[in-house]
Every structure is written in C-alpha cells, then in structure tokens.
N, C-alpha and C. Protein backbone atom coordinates (compact mmCIF):
# COMPACT_ATOMS: atom_id res chain seq x y z
N MET A 1 24.16 23.69 8.36
CA MET A 1 22.80 23.40 8.80
C MET A 1 21.92 23.19 7.56
N PHE A 2 21.03 22.19 7.62
CA PHE A 2 20.12 22.00 6.51
C PHE A 2 18.74 21.63 7.02
N GLN A 3 17.75 21.87 6.18
CA GLN A 3 16.36 21.59 6.52
C GLN A 3 15.84 20.58 5.51
N VAL A 4 15.14 19.54 5.99
CA VAL A 4 14.56 18.54 5.10
C VAL A 4 13.04 18.56 5.27
N VAL A 5 12.34 18.66 4.17
CA VAL A 5 10.89 18.60 4.17
C VAL A 5 10.52 17.36 3.38
N LEU A 6 9.75 16.45 3.97
CA LEU A 6 9.40 15.20 3.32
C LEU A 6 7.91 15.17 3.05
N GLY A 7 7.53 14.80 1.84
CA GLY A 7 6.13 14.62 1.50
C GLY A 7 5.97 13.28 0.82
N LYS A 8 4.77 12.69 0.89
CA LYS A 8 4.51 11.41 0.24
C LYS A 8 3.24 11.56 -0.58
N GLY A 9 3.28 11.06 -1.80
CA GLY A 9 2.10 11.10 -2.65
C GLY A 9 1.83 9.71 -3.19
N GLY A 10 0.77 9.58 -3.95
CA GLY A 10 0.47 8.32 -4.59
C GLY A 10 -0.38 7.42 -3.71
N GLY A 11 -0.88 6.37 -4.30
CA GLY A 11 -1.69 5.40 -3.58
C GLY A 11 -0.97 4.08 -3.50
N PHE A 12 -1.72 2.99 -3.56
CA PHE A 12 -1.13 1.66 -3.45
C PHE A 12 -0.16 1.39 -4.58
N GLY A 13 -0.40 2.00 -5.73
CA GLY A 13 0.41 1.75 -6.90
C GLY A 13 1.68 2.55 -7.00
N GLU A 14 1.90 3.49 -6.09
CA GLU A 14 3.12 4.28 -6.22
C GLU A 14 3.51 4.89 -4.89
N LEU A 15 4.79 5.10 -4.74
CA LEU A 15 5.32 5.87 -3.62
C LEU A 15 6.06 7.04 -4.23
N ASP A 16 5.82 8.20 -3.72
CA ASP A 16 6.42 9.41 -4.28
C ASP A 16 6.94 10.24 -3.12
N PHE A 17 8.24 10.17 -2.89
CA PHE A 17 8.85 10.92 -1.80
C PHE A 17 9.44 12.20 -2.38
N ARG A 18 9.20 13.32 -1.73
CA ARG A 18 9.74 14.60 -2.18
C ARG A 18 10.50 15.26 -1.03
N PHE A 19 11.67 15.73 -1.34
CA PHE A 19 12.51 16.40 -0.36
C PHE A 19 12.85 17.79 -0.86
N SER A 20 12.96 18.71 0.07
CA SER A 20 13.59 20.00 -0.21
C SER A 20 14.65 20.17 0.86
N ILE A 21 15.88 20.31 0.44
CA ILE A 21 16.98 20.45 1.37
C ILE A 21 17.61 21.82 1.16
N LYS A 22 17.67 22.60 2.23
CA LYS A 22 18.29 23.92 2.16
C LYS A 22 19.63 23.83 2.86
N SER A 23 20.66 24.01 2.09
CA SER A 23 22.02 23.93 2.63
C SER A 23 22.96 24.55 1.62
N GLY A 24 24.24 24.43 1.88
CA GLY A 24 25.22 24.90 0.91
C GLY A 24 25.19 24.03 -0.34
N ARG A 25 25.64 24.58 -1.46
CA ARG A 25 25.62 23.86 -2.73
C ARG A 25 26.35 22.53 -2.67
N SER A 26 27.54 22.50 -2.12
CA SER A 26 28.30 21.25 -2.08
C SER A 26 27.66 20.24 -1.14
N ALA A 27 27.05 20.72 -0.05
CA ALA A 27 26.39 19.80 0.88
C ALA A 27 25.22 19.10 0.20
N CYS A 28 24.49 19.82 -0.63
CA CYS A 28 23.35 19.22 -1.35
C CYS A 28 23.81 18.07 -2.24
N PHE A 29 24.91 18.28 -2.97
CA PHE A 29 25.39 17.22 -3.85
C PHE A 29 25.91 16.03 -3.06
N HIS A 30 26.44 16.27 -1.88
CA HIS A 30 26.91 15.17 -1.04
C HIS A 30 25.76 14.41 -0.40
N LEU A 31 24.64 15.09 -0.15
CA LEU A 31 23.49 14.46 0.47
C LEU A 31 22.69 13.60 -0.50
N PHE A 32 22.73 13.91 -1.79
CA PHE A 32 21.92 13.19 -2.78
C PHE A 32 22.15 11.68 -2.75
N PRO A 33 23.41 11.17 -2.83
CA PRO A 33 23.60 9.71 -2.79
C PRO A 33 23.18 9.11 -1.45
N LEU A 34 23.38 9.83 -0.37
CA LEU A 34 22.98 9.35 0.95
C LEU A 34 21.46 9.18 1.01
N ILE A 35 20.73 10.15 0.49
CA ILE A 35 19.27 10.06 0.48
C ILE A 35 18.81 8.87 -0.35
N CYS A 36 19.44 8.64 -1.49
CA CYS A 36 19.10 7.47 -2.32
C CYS A 36 19.28 6.18 -1.54
N ARG A 37 20.39 6.04 -0.83
CA ARG A 37 20.63 4.81 -0.05
C ARG A 37 19.61 4.65 1.07
N ILE A 38 19.29 5.74 1.75
CA ILE A 38 18.31 5.68 2.84
C ILE A 38 16.94 5.25 2.30
N LEU A 39 16.53 5.82 1.18
CA LEU A 39 15.22 5.48 0.63
C LEU A 39 15.18 4.05 0.12
N ARG A 40 16.26 3.56 -0.45
CA ARG A 40 16.29 2.14 -0.86
C ARG A 40 16.09 1.23 0.35
N ARG A 41 16.78 1.54 1.44
CA ARG A 41 16.63 0.73 2.66
C ARG A 41 15.21 0.82 3.21
N LEU A 42 14.64 2.01 3.17
CA LEU A 42 13.27 2.18 3.63
C LEU A 42 12.31 1.31 2.82
N ILE A 43 12.50 1.29 1.51
CA ILE A 43 11.63 0.49 0.64
C ILE A 43 11.79 -1.00 0.97
N LEU A 44 13.02 -1.44 1.18
CA LEU A 44 13.23 -2.84 1.54
C LEU A 44 12.58 -3.17 2.88
N ARG A 45 12.65 -2.26 3.84
CA ARG A 45 12.03 -2.49 5.14
C ARG A 45 10.52 -2.49 5.05
N MET A 46 9.96 -1.81 4.04
CA MET A 46 8.52 -1.80 3.85
C MET A 46 8.05 -3.10 3.21
N ASN A 47 8.98 -4.03 3.00
CA ASN A 47 8.68 -5.35 2.47
C ASN A 47 8.06 -5.28 1.07
N LEU A 48 8.62 -4.43 0.24
CA LEU A 48 8.18 -4.34 -1.16
C LEU A 48 9.14 -5.16 -2.02
N SER A 49 9.31 -6.42 -1.65
CA SER A 49 10.24 -7.26 -2.37
C SER A 49 9.82 -7.40 -3.82
N GLY A 50 10.80 -7.44 -4.69
CA GLY A 50 10.53 -7.59 -6.10
C GLY A 50 10.38 -6.27 -6.82
N VAL A 51 10.17 -5.19 -6.09
CA VAL A 51 10.00 -3.90 -6.75
C VAL A 51 10.99 -2.86 -6.25
N ALA A 52 11.80 -3.23 -5.27
CA ALA A 52 12.69 -2.25 -4.64
C ALA A 52 13.72 -1.69 -5.60
N ASN A 53 14.03 -2.40 -6.66
CA ASN A 53 15.04 -1.91 -7.59
C ASN A 53 14.44 -1.11 -8.74
N ARG A 54 13.12 -1.05 -8.82
CA ARG A 54 12.48 -0.30 -9.90
C ARG A 54 12.08 1.07 -9.37
N PHE A 55 12.99 2.00 -9.47
CA PHE A 55 12.69 3.34 -8.99
C PHE A 55 13.40 4.35 -9.87
N SER A 56 12.96 5.56 -9.76
CA SER A 56 13.65 6.64 -10.46
C SER A 56 13.75 7.81 -9.50
N SER A 57 14.72 8.64 -9.74
CA SER A 57 14.87 9.81 -8.90
C SER A 57 15.21 10.99 -9.79
N ASP A 58 14.88 12.16 -9.31
CA ASP A 58 15.14 13.37 -10.05
C ASP A 58 15.44 14.48 -9.04
N PHE A 59 16.32 15.38 -9.40
CA PHE A 59 16.59 16.48 -8.50
C PHE A 59 16.91 17.74 -9.29
N MET A 60 16.71 18.86 -8.63
CA MET A 60 17.00 20.15 -9.24
C MET A 60 17.59 21.04 -8.16
N LEU A 61 18.70 21.64 -8.46
CA LEU A 61 19.37 22.53 -7.52
C LEU A 61 19.05 23.97 -7.90
N THR A 62 18.38 24.67 -6.98
CA THR A 62 18.05 26.08 -7.18
C THR A 62 18.69 26.85 -6.04
N GLY A 63 19.73 27.60 -6.33
CA GLY A 63 20.43 28.32 -5.27
C GLY A 63 21.02 27.34 -4.28
N SER A 64 20.60 27.44 -3.05
CA SER A 64 21.09 26.52 -2.03
C SER A 64 20.02 25.51 -1.63
N THR A 65 19.00 25.30 -2.48
CA THR A 65 17.93 24.35 -2.20
C THR A 65 17.98 23.22 -3.22
N LEU A 66 18.03 21.99 -2.71
CA LEU A 66 17.98 20.81 -3.56
C LEU A 66 16.57 20.25 -3.49
N ASN A 67 15.85 20.28 -4.59
CA ASN A 67 14.52 19.69 -4.67
C ASN A 67 14.70 18.30 -5.25
N PHE A 68 14.28 17.31 -4.50
CA PHE A 68 14.57 15.92 -4.80
C PHE A 68 13.28 15.13 -4.84
N LYS A 69 13.09 14.33 -5.88
CA LYS A 69 11.91 13.48 -6.01
C LYS A 69 12.38 12.05 -6.20
N PHE A 70 11.81 11.14 -5.46
CA PHE A 70 12.15 9.72 -5.51
C PHE A 70 10.86 8.97 -5.73
N PHE A 71 10.73 8.29 -6.86
CA PHE A 71 9.48 7.61 -7.24
C PHE A 71 9.71 6.12 -7.35
N VAL A 72 8.81 5.35 -6.76
CA VAL A 72 8.90 3.89 -6.82
C VAL A 72 7.58 3.35 -7.38
N ASP A 73 7.67 2.53 -8.39
CA ASP A 73 6.49 1.89 -8.96
C ASP A 73 6.25 0.58 -8.22
N VAL A 74 5.18 0.54 -7.44
CA VAL A 74 4.88 -0.67 -6.67
C VAL A 74 3.54 -1.28 -7.09
N GLN A 75 3.15 -1.05 -8.34
CA GLN A 75 1.89 -1.60 -8.82
C GLN A 75 1.86 -3.12 -8.65
N SER A 76 2.99 -3.75 -8.91
CA SER A 76 3.03 -5.21 -8.79
C SER A 76 3.04 -5.66 -7.34
N SER A 77 3.14 -4.72 -6.38
CA SER A 77 3.15 -5.13 -4.99
C SER A 77 1.80 -5.70 -4.56
N PHE A 78 0.69 -5.30 -5.21
CA PHE A 78 -0.59 -5.92 -4.90
C PHE A 78 -0.55 -7.39 -5.29
N ASP A 79 0.01 -7.67 -6.47
CA ASP A 79 0.13 -9.06 -6.90
C ASP A 79 1.00 -9.85 -5.93
N ALA A 80 2.07 -9.23 -5.45
CA ALA A 80 2.94 -9.90 -4.47
C ALA A 80 2.20 -10.09 -3.15
N LEU A 81 1.37 -9.13 -2.79
CA LEU A 81 0.61 -9.20 -1.55
C LEU A 81 -0.33 -10.40 -1.54
N VAL A 82 -1.03 -10.63 -2.63
CA VAL A 82 -2.03 -11.69 -2.68
C VAL A 82 -1.45 -13.02 -3.12
N ASP A 83 -0.19 -13.04 -3.56
CA ASP A 83 0.47 -14.27 -3.97
C ASP A 83 1.09 -14.92 -2.73
N SER A 84 0.23 -15.55 -1.93
CA SER A 84 0.63 -16.08 -0.64
C SER A 84 -0.07 -17.40 -0.38
N GLU A 85 0.63 -18.29 0.33
CA GLU A 85 0.00 -19.54 0.77
C GLU A 85 -1.11 -19.25 1.78
N THR A 86 -0.91 -18.20 2.57
CA THR A 86 -1.91 -17.78 3.55
C THR A 86 -3.04 -17.07 2.82
N LEU A 87 -4.25 -17.31 3.27
CA LEU A 87 -5.39 -16.61 2.68
C LEU A 87 -5.26 -15.11 2.94
N VAL A 88 -5.64 -14.31 1.95
CA VAL A 88 -5.57 -12.86 2.05
C VAL A 88 -6.97 -12.31 1.77
N LEU A 89 -7.55 -11.64 2.76
CA LEU A 89 -8.84 -10.98 2.59
C LEU A 89 -8.58 -9.51 2.35
N VAL A 90 -9.03 -9.01 1.21
CA VAL A 90 -8.81 -7.61 0.85
C VAL A 90 -10.14 -6.88 0.99
N ASP A 91 -10.11 -5.78 1.73
CA ASP A 91 -11.28 -4.94 1.96
C ASP A 91 -11.10 -3.64 1.19
N PHE A 92 -11.84 -3.48 0.10
CA PHE A 92 -11.84 -2.21 -0.64
C PHE A 92 -12.90 -1.33 0.00
N HIS A 93 -12.48 -0.18 0.50
CA HIS A 93 -13.36 0.70 1.25
C HIS A 93 -13.09 2.16 0.88
N ALA A 94 -13.86 3.06 1.49
CA ALA A 94 -13.64 4.49 1.33
C ALA A 94 -13.87 5.15 2.69
N SER A 95 -13.12 6.20 2.96
CA SER A 95 -13.22 6.87 4.26
C SER A 95 -14.59 7.52 4.47
N TRP A 96 -15.26 7.91 3.41
CA TRP A 96 -16.55 8.58 3.49
C TRP A 96 -17.72 7.60 3.58
N CYS A 97 -17.45 6.31 3.46
CA CYS A 97 -18.50 5.29 3.37
C CYS A 97 -18.90 4.79 4.76
N GLY A 98 -20.15 5.04 5.14
CA GLY A 98 -20.66 4.60 6.44
C GLY A 98 -20.62 3.09 6.63
N PRO A 99 -21.12 2.31 5.66
CA PRO A 99 -21.05 0.86 5.80
C PRO A 99 -19.60 0.34 5.91
N CYS A 100 -18.68 1.01 5.24
CA CYS A 100 -17.26 0.62 5.33
C CYS A 100 -16.75 0.83 6.75
N ARG A 101 -17.11 1.96 7.33
CA ARG A 101 -16.69 2.24 8.71
C ARG A 101 -17.32 1.24 9.67
N ALA A 102 -18.55 0.81 9.39
CA ALA A 102 -19.22 -0.18 10.24
C ALA A 102 -18.52 -1.54 10.18
N MET A 103 -17.81 -1.81 9.08
CA MET A 103 -17.11 -3.09 8.93
C MET A 103 -15.78 -3.14 9.68
N GLU A 104 -15.23 -1.98 10.06
CA GLU A 104 -13.92 -1.96 10.72
C GLU A 104 -13.86 -2.83 11.97
N PRO A 105 -14.80 -2.69 12.94
CA PRO A 105 -14.73 -3.56 14.12
C PRO A 105 -14.97 -5.03 13.79
N VAL A 106 -15.78 -5.28 12.77
CA VAL A 106 -16.04 -6.67 12.35
C VAL A 106 -14.74 -7.30 11.85
N LEU A 107 -14.00 -6.57 11.02
CA LEU A 107 -12.74 -7.09 10.49
C LEU A 107 -11.68 -7.23 11.57
N ASP A 108 -11.65 -6.29 12.51
CA ASP A 108 -10.71 -6.39 13.63
C ASP A 108 -10.99 -7.62 14.47
N SER A 109 -12.25 -7.87 14.75
CA SER A 109 -12.65 -9.05 15.53
C SER A 109 -12.35 -10.34 14.76
N LEU A 110 -12.60 -10.33 13.46
CA LEU A 110 -12.31 -11.49 12.62
C LEU A 110 -10.82 -11.80 12.63
N GLN A 111 -9.99 -10.77 12.53
CA GLN A 111 -8.53 -10.96 12.56
C GLN A 111 -8.10 -11.56 13.89
N GLN A 112 -8.68 -11.10 14.98
CA GLN A 112 -8.35 -11.65 16.29
C GLN A 112 -8.76 -13.11 16.40
N ASP A 113 -9.93 -13.45 15.87
CA ASP A 113 -10.42 -14.83 15.95
C ASP A 113 -9.59 -15.79 15.09
N LEU A 114 -9.19 -15.35 13.91
CA LEU A 114 -8.51 -16.25 12.96
C LEU A 114 -6.99 -16.17 13.03
N GLY A 115 -6.47 -15.12 13.61
CA GLY A 115 -5.02 -14.99 13.79
C GLY A 115 -4.25 -15.11 12.49
N ASP A 116 -3.27 -16.02 12.45
CA ASP A 116 -2.39 -16.19 11.29
C ASP A 116 -3.03 -16.96 10.14
N ARG A 117 -4.24 -17.42 10.31
CA ARG A 117 -4.90 -18.18 9.24
C ARG A 117 -5.27 -17.30 8.05
N VAL A 118 -5.40 -16.00 8.29
CA VAL A 118 -5.78 -15.07 7.23
C VAL A 118 -5.09 -13.73 7.49
N ARG A 119 -4.71 -13.07 6.40
CA ARG A 119 -4.20 -11.70 6.48
C ARG A 119 -5.27 -10.79 5.90
N ILE A 120 -5.58 -9.72 6.61
CA ILE A 120 -6.60 -8.77 6.15
C ILE A 120 -5.91 -7.47 5.76
N HIS A 121 -6.17 -7.02 4.54
CA HIS A 121 -5.60 -5.77 4.05
C HIS A 121 -6.73 -4.85 3.61
N LYS A 122 -6.63 -3.60 4.03
CA LYS A 122 -7.63 -2.60 3.69
C LYS A 122 -7.05 -1.65 2.65
N ILE A 123 -7.80 -1.43 1.58
CA ILE A 123 -7.35 -0.56 0.50
C ILE A 123 -8.43 0.49 0.24
N ASP A 124 -8.04 1.75 0.36
CA ASP A 124 -8.95 2.87 0.13
C ASP A 124 -9.06 3.12 -1.37
N VAL A 125 -10.27 3.02 -1.91
CA VAL A 125 -10.46 3.16 -3.35
C VAL A 125 -10.19 4.58 -3.84
N ASP A 126 -10.31 5.56 -2.95
CA ASP A 126 -10.03 6.94 -3.36
C ASP A 126 -8.53 7.18 -3.51
N GLU A 127 -7.73 6.50 -2.71
CA GLU A 127 -6.28 6.62 -2.81
C GLU A 127 -5.70 5.70 -3.87
N ASP A 128 -6.36 4.60 -4.13
CA ASP A 128 -5.85 3.58 -5.05
C ASP A 128 -6.86 3.31 -6.16
N THR A 129 -7.25 4.38 -6.82
CA THR A 129 -8.27 4.30 -7.86
C THR A 129 -7.86 3.36 -8.99
N ASP A 130 -6.60 3.44 -9.42
CA ASP A 130 -6.15 2.59 -10.54
C ASP A 130 -6.29 1.12 -10.21
N LEU A 131 -5.95 0.74 -8.99
CA LEU A 131 -6.07 -0.66 -8.58
C LEU A 131 -7.54 -1.07 -8.53
N ALA A 132 -8.39 -0.22 -7.98
CA ALA A 132 -9.82 -0.52 -7.90
C ALA A 132 -10.42 -0.69 -9.30
N VAL A 133 -10.01 0.15 -10.23
CA VAL A 133 -10.49 0.03 -11.61
C VAL A 133 -9.98 -1.25 -12.24
N ARG A 134 -8.70 -1.54 -12.05
CA ARG A 134 -8.10 -2.76 -12.61
C ARG A 134 -8.82 -4.02 -12.13
N LEU A 135 -9.25 -4.00 -10.86
CA LEU A 135 -9.91 -5.17 -10.28
C LEU A 135 -11.43 -5.10 -10.40
N LYS A 136 -11.92 -4.07 -11.08
CA LYS A 136 -13.36 -3.90 -11.35
C LYS A 136 -14.18 -3.83 -10.06
N VAL A 137 -13.71 -3.05 -9.11
CA VAL A 137 -14.45 -2.82 -7.88
C VAL A 137 -15.52 -1.76 -8.21
N MET A 138 -16.78 -2.16 -8.12
CA MET A 138 -17.88 -1.29 -8.54
C MET A 138 -18.56 -0.57 -7.37
N GLY A 139 -18.34 -1.04 -6.15
CA GLY A 139 -18.95 -0.42 -4.98
C GLY A 139 -18.13 -0.73 -3.75
N VAL A 140 -18.40 0.02 -2.70
CA VAL A 140 -17.70 -0.21 -1.44
C VAL A 140 -18.73 -0.42 -0.33
N PRO A 141 -18.40 -1.25 0.62
CA PRO A 141 -17.21 -2.10 0.67
C PRO A 141 -17.33 -3.28 -0.29
N THR A 142 -16.19 -3.72 -0.78
CA THR A 142 -16.10 -4.96 -1.56
C THR A 142 -14.99 -5.80 -0.95
N PHE A 143 -15.29 -7.06 -0.73
CA PHE A 143 -14.32 -7.98 -0.13
C PHE A 143 -13.90 -9.00 -1.16
N MET A 144 -12.60 -9.30 -1.18
CA MET A 144 -12.04 -10.32 -2.08
C MET A 144 -11.13 -11.22 -1.26
N LEU A 145 -11.20 -12.51 -1.55
CA LEU A 145 -10.35 -13.48 -0.87
C LEU A 145 -9.41 -14.09 -1.89
N TYR A 146 -8.11 -14.10 -1.55
CA TYR A 146 -7.08 -14.60 -2.45
C TYR A 146 -6.24 -15.67 -1.77
N ARG A 147 -5.72 -16.57 -2.60
CA ARG A 147 -4.66 -17.50 -2.20
C ARG A 147 -3.81 -17.76 -3.45
N LYS A 148 -2.51 -17.70 -3.27
CA LYS A 148 -1.56 -17.93 -4.36
C LYS A 148 -1.86 -17.06 -5.58
N GLY A 149 -2.29 -15.84 -5.35
CA GLY A 149 -2.54 -14.90 -6.43
C GLY A 149 -3.87 -15.09 -7.15
N GLN A 150 -4.62 -16.08 -6.75
CA GLN A 150 -5.90 -16.35 -7.40
C GLN A 150 -7.06 -15.81 -6.56
N GLU A 151 -7.97 -15.11 -7.21
CA GLU A 151 -9.16 -14.65 -6.51
C GLU A 151 -10.09 -15.85 -6.31
N LEU A 152 -10.39 -16.14 -5.05
CA LEU A 152 -11.24 -17.27 -4.72
C LEU A 152 -12.70 -16.87 -4.52
N TRP A 153 -12.90 -15.62 -4.11
CA TRP A 153 -14.24 -15.17 -3.75
C TRP A 153 -14.28 -13.66 -3.77
N ARG A 154 -15.46 -13.13 -4.07
CA ARG A 154 -15.66 -11.67 -4.10
C ARG A 154 -17.10 -11.39 -3.70
N GLN A 155 -17.28 -10.37 -2.86
CA GLN A 155 -18.64 -10.01 -2.44
C GLN A 155 -18.67 -8.53 -2.06
N PRO A 156 -19.54 -7.76 -2.70
CA PRO A 156 -19.72 -6.37 -2.26
C PRO A 156 -20.74 -6.30 -1.12
N GLY A 157 -20.67 -5.22 -0.36
CA GLY A 157 -21.67 -4.98 0.68
C GLY A 157 -21.21 -5.35 2.07
N VAL A 158 -22.06 -5.03 3.03
CA VAL A 158 -21.79 -5.32 4.44
C VAL A 158 -22.03 -6.79 4.70
N LEU A 159 -21.10 -7.41 5.43
CA LEU A 159 -21.22 -8.83 5.78
C LEU A 159 -21.00 -9.00 7.28
N THR A 160 -21.58 -10.03 7.82
CA THR A 160 -21.36 -10.31 9.24
C THR A 160 -20.03 -11.04 9.42
N LYS A 161 -19.55 -11.03 10.64
CA LYS A 161 -18.31 -11.74 10.95
C LYS A 161 -18.48 -13.23 10.66
N ASP A 162 -19.64 -13.79 11.01
CA ASP A 162 -19.88 -15.21 10.77
C ASP A 162 -19.87 -15.54 9.28
N ALA A 163 -20.44 -14.67 8.46
CA ALA A 163 -20.46 -14.91 7.01
C ALA A 163 -19.04 -14.90 6.45
N LEU A 164 -18.23 -13.95 6.87
CA LEU A 164 -16.84 -13.88 6.42
C LEU A 164 -16.06 -15.10 6.91
N LYS A 165 -16.31 -15.49 8.14
CA LYS A 165 -15.61 -16.65 8.73
C LYS A 165 -15.94 -17.92 7.94
N LYS A 166 -17.19 -18.09 7.56
CA LYS A 166 -17.59 -19.28 6.79
C LYS A 166 -16.90 -19.32 5.43
N VAL A 167 -16.80 -18.18 4.78
CA VAL A 167 -16.13 -18.11 3.48
C VAL A 167 -14.64 -18.50 3.63
N ILE A 168 -14.00 -17.97 4.65
CA ILE A 168 -12.59 -18.26 4.89
C ILE A 168 -12.40 -19.72 5.24
N GLU A 169 -13.24 -20.27 6.10
CA GLU A 169 -13.12 -21.69 6.48
C GLU A 169 -13.38 -22.60 5.28
N ALA A 170 -14.31 -22.22 4.41
CA ALA A 170 -14.56 -23.02 3.20
C ALA A 170 -13.35 -23.00 2.28
N ALA A 171 -12.70 -21.86 2.19
CA ALA A 171 -11.51 -21.73 1.33
C ALA A 171 -10.32 -22.50 1.90
N GLU A 172 -10.28 -22.67 3.21
CA GLU A 172 -9.18 -23.40 3.84
C GLU A 172 -9.24 -24.89 3.54
N SER A 173 -10.44 -25.40 3.33
CA SER A 173 -10.57 -26.86 3.11
C SER A 173 -10.44 -27.26 1.67
C-alpha cells in the first residue's frame, strides 16, 4: 500500500510537481521511473510542445518515504502561445482587482461572439510575476493582442466589448 500526495507550485513560467510516496523501499524505487513517464505524458497532454523535454527531477528516500520533485521550465510556452496564425488576446489581471473582475463577463461574451477568430488567455500577474515584468505590465488589467509572436496592440484599463472587438477586427484586416 502506498500514499501519494501531489502539490503544484510555480506560475506560467514553471510547473513544479511534488510527490511524497509512503511505501516499502523497493516499491519507491520501482515507482520513480513510472512517475517520470506519467508526468512526461501529462506535460505533452497539456500541449506544452517544445518544452516537454526540458525538465529535471530530484528525489530523496527517507525511510519508507520517497520525496519526489519534478520541475518543468515552460517560460518559452508563452512565446509558443502567442506564436499563432490566430489572433491571441492576453488579459493580464489580478484576483484582487475589481476592474479585472468586471472584465470577465466582457471577455466571455467577446469569446462567444468571435469564436475561433481569437483565442483569449488570462494570466494572473501575482502568479506569473516574472512574465509580467518581462513584458513590462505596469497595471491591471492590461490587454495585449498578438499574432505570429508579434505584439500588435497593448492597452491598460477597462475596455468595452465593442472597443476590444474593433481592435481585433482591425488586426484581422
């Protein structure tokens, strides 16, 4: 019998899976390669193409407990996310931000209206501070529109659905 405890840390730039497995000593060593294979498949299913092979793992056996850490660097996954023929609207927000929360139904309605013409991704600046700093996000909400990895437009503050729609339609032409 064994017990698995799973935790996840990190923001957009990293995935950090931690396991503690309580079992017999030999069972722990047999489970280690299996866990590596499962996590690789999980990463591939999460569509982190291009970064799935860049990972490291570490483990420590204490008595009958295997403490296992599996770390994946997915910093370049943002670049892969915005490197698309389809327009990508990125919403940098924070959970504590009232105007950001007010934009949620606007973005949901916009996604319904535009369908596959645009992909909308929400990134919490508190969880992904490094990415927000790298992209010089100075306030929330901040919206950025990308195509083929190029930033086409950026605007901080609350916007109406019609204003966002006009920006997207202008970028399509």
